[in-house]
Amino acid sequence: MYRVHTDKTVVKVYDYVDYQVPELKNMYEKRMQGYKSMDYKAKDGGDENSSGQQMKLF
């Protein structure tokens, strides 16, 4: 969970996944569900086809 601060207007989360390792892929998919439940939006990829790309949330 991020820390709330009155001067903070943007929250950035950088998350990485190694799709070659099934356990890491599953953990990543669970984290994405958590991000979605907090109304975070994924930018610049966020799927298996964007392998090797950095993904920004929001």
C-alpha atoms as a PDB file:
ATOM      1  CA  MET A   1       0.000   0.000   0.000  1.00  0.00           C
ATOM      2  CA  TYR A   2       1.264   3.460  -0.781  1.00  0.00           C
ATOM      3  CA  ARG A   3       1.532   6.222   1.797  1.00  0.00           C
ATOM      4  CA  VAL A   4      -1.033   9.021   1.497  1.00  0.00           C
ATOM      5  CA  HIS A   5       0.354  12.547   1.515  1.00  0.00           C
ATOM      6  CA  THR A   6      -1.446  15.834   0.779  1.00  0.00           C
ATOM      7  CA  ASP A   7       1.259  16.958  -1.675  1.00  0.00           C
ATOM      8  CA  LYS A   8       1.279  13.682  -3.587  1.00  0.00           C
ATOM      9  CA  THR A   9      -0.854  13.721  -6.724  1.00  0.00           C
ATOM     10  CA  VAL A  10       0.672  10.823  -8.687  1.00  0.00           C
ATOM     11  CA  VAL A  11       1.537   7.306  -7.614  1.00  0.00           C
ATOM     12  CA  LYS A  12       3.888   5.290  -9.826  1.00  0.00           C
ATOM     13  CA  VAL A  13       4.392   1.573  -9.470  1.00  0.00           C
ATOM     14  CA  TYR A  14       7.047  -0.238 -11.454  1.00  0.00           C
ATOM     15  CA  ASP A  15       6.451  -3.962 -11.503  1.00  0.00           C
ATOM     16  CA  TYR A  16       8.493  -6.596 -13.287  1.00  0.00           C
ATOM     17  CA  VAL A  17       7.710 -10.129 -14.330  1.00  0.00           C
ATOM     18  CA  ASP A  18       9.662 -13.035 -15.743  1.00  0.00           C
ATOM     19  CA  TYR A  19       7.130 -14.856 -17.891  1.00  0.00           C
ATOM     20  CA  GLN A  20       9.557 -17.754 -18.313  1.00  0.00           C
ATOM     21  CA  VAL A  21       9.094 -18.807 -14.658  1.00  0.00           C
ATOM     22  CA  PRO A  22       5.501 -19.997 -14.059  1.00  0.00           C
ATOM     23  CA  GLU A  23       5.535 -19.202 -10.315  1.00  0.00           C
ATOM     24  CA  LEU A  24       6.694 -15.635 -10.936  1.00  0.00           C
ATOM     25  CA  LYS A  25       4.122 -15.177 -13.693  1.00  0.00           C
ATOM     26  CA  ASN A  26       1.344 -16.356 -11.349  1.00  0.00           C
ATOM     27  CA  MET A  27       2.488 -14.038  -8.563  1.00  0.00           C
ATOM     28  CA  TYR A  28       2.567 -11.129 -11.040  1.00  0.00           C
ATOM     29  CA  GLU A  29      -0.970 -11.874 -12.229  1.00  0.00           C
ATOM     30  CA  LYS A  30      -2.180 -11.831  -8.617  1.00  0.00           C
ATOM     31  CA  ARG A  31      -0.472  -8.472  -8.045  1.00  0.00           C
ATOM     32  CA  MET A  32      -2.179  -7.097 -11.158  1.00  0.00           C
ATOM     33  CA  GLN A  33      -5.554  -8.094  -9.692  1.00  0.00           C
ATOM     34  CA  GLY A  34      -4.641  -6.168  -6.541  1.00  0.00           C
ATOM     35  CA  TYR A  35      -3.638  -3.107  -8.562  1.00  0.00           C
ATOM     36  CA  LYS A  36      -6.926  -3.309 -10.448  1.00  0.00           C
ATOM     37  CA  SER A  37      -8.875  -3.489  -7.177  1.00  0.00           C
ATOM     38  CA  MET A  38      -7.219  -0.187  -6.179  1.00  0.00           C
ATOM     39  CA  ASP A  39      -8.298   1.318  -9.539  1.00  0.00           C
ATOM     40  CA  TYR A  40      -4.736   1.486 -10.872  1.00  0.00           C
ATOM     41  CA  LYS A  41      -4.427   1.450 -14.645  1.00  0.00           C
ATOM     42  CA  ALA A  42      -1.595  -0.233 -16.566  1.00  0.00           C
ATOM     43  CA  LYS A  43       0.301   1.701 -19.225  1.00  0.00           C
ATOM     44  CA  ASP A  44       2.801   0.639 -21.871  1.00  0.00           C
ATOM     45  CA  GLY A  45       2.095  -3.038 -22.051  1.00  0.00           C
ATOM     46  CA  GLY A  46       1.352  -5.201 -19.108  1.00  0.00           C
ATOM     47  CA  ASP A  47       0.918  -8.436 -20.972  1.00  0.00           C
ATOM     48  CA  GLU A  48       3.088 -11.324 -22.045  1.00  0.00           C
ATOM     49  CA  ASN A  49       3.609  -9.804 -25.488  1.00  0.00           C
ATOM     50  CA  SER A  50       5.407  -6.817 -24.018  1.00  0.00           C
ATOM     51  CA  SER A  51       8.203  -9.000 -22.634  1.00  0.00           C
ATOM     52  CA  GLY A  52      11.344  -6.987 -22.081  1.00  0.00           C
ATOM     53  CA  GLN A  53       9.448  -3.718 -21.905  1.00  0.00           C
ATOM     54  CA  GLN A  54       9.091  -1.608 -18.796  1.00  0.00           C
ATOM     55  CA  MET A  55       5.477  -1.248 -17.731  1.00  0.00           C
ATOM     56  CA  LYS A  56       4.160   1.816 -15.934  1.00  0.00           C
ATOM     57  CA  LEU A  57       0.954   1.727 -13.934  1.00  0.00           C
ATOM     58  CA  PHE A  58      -1.300   4.813 -14.243  1.00  0.00           C
END
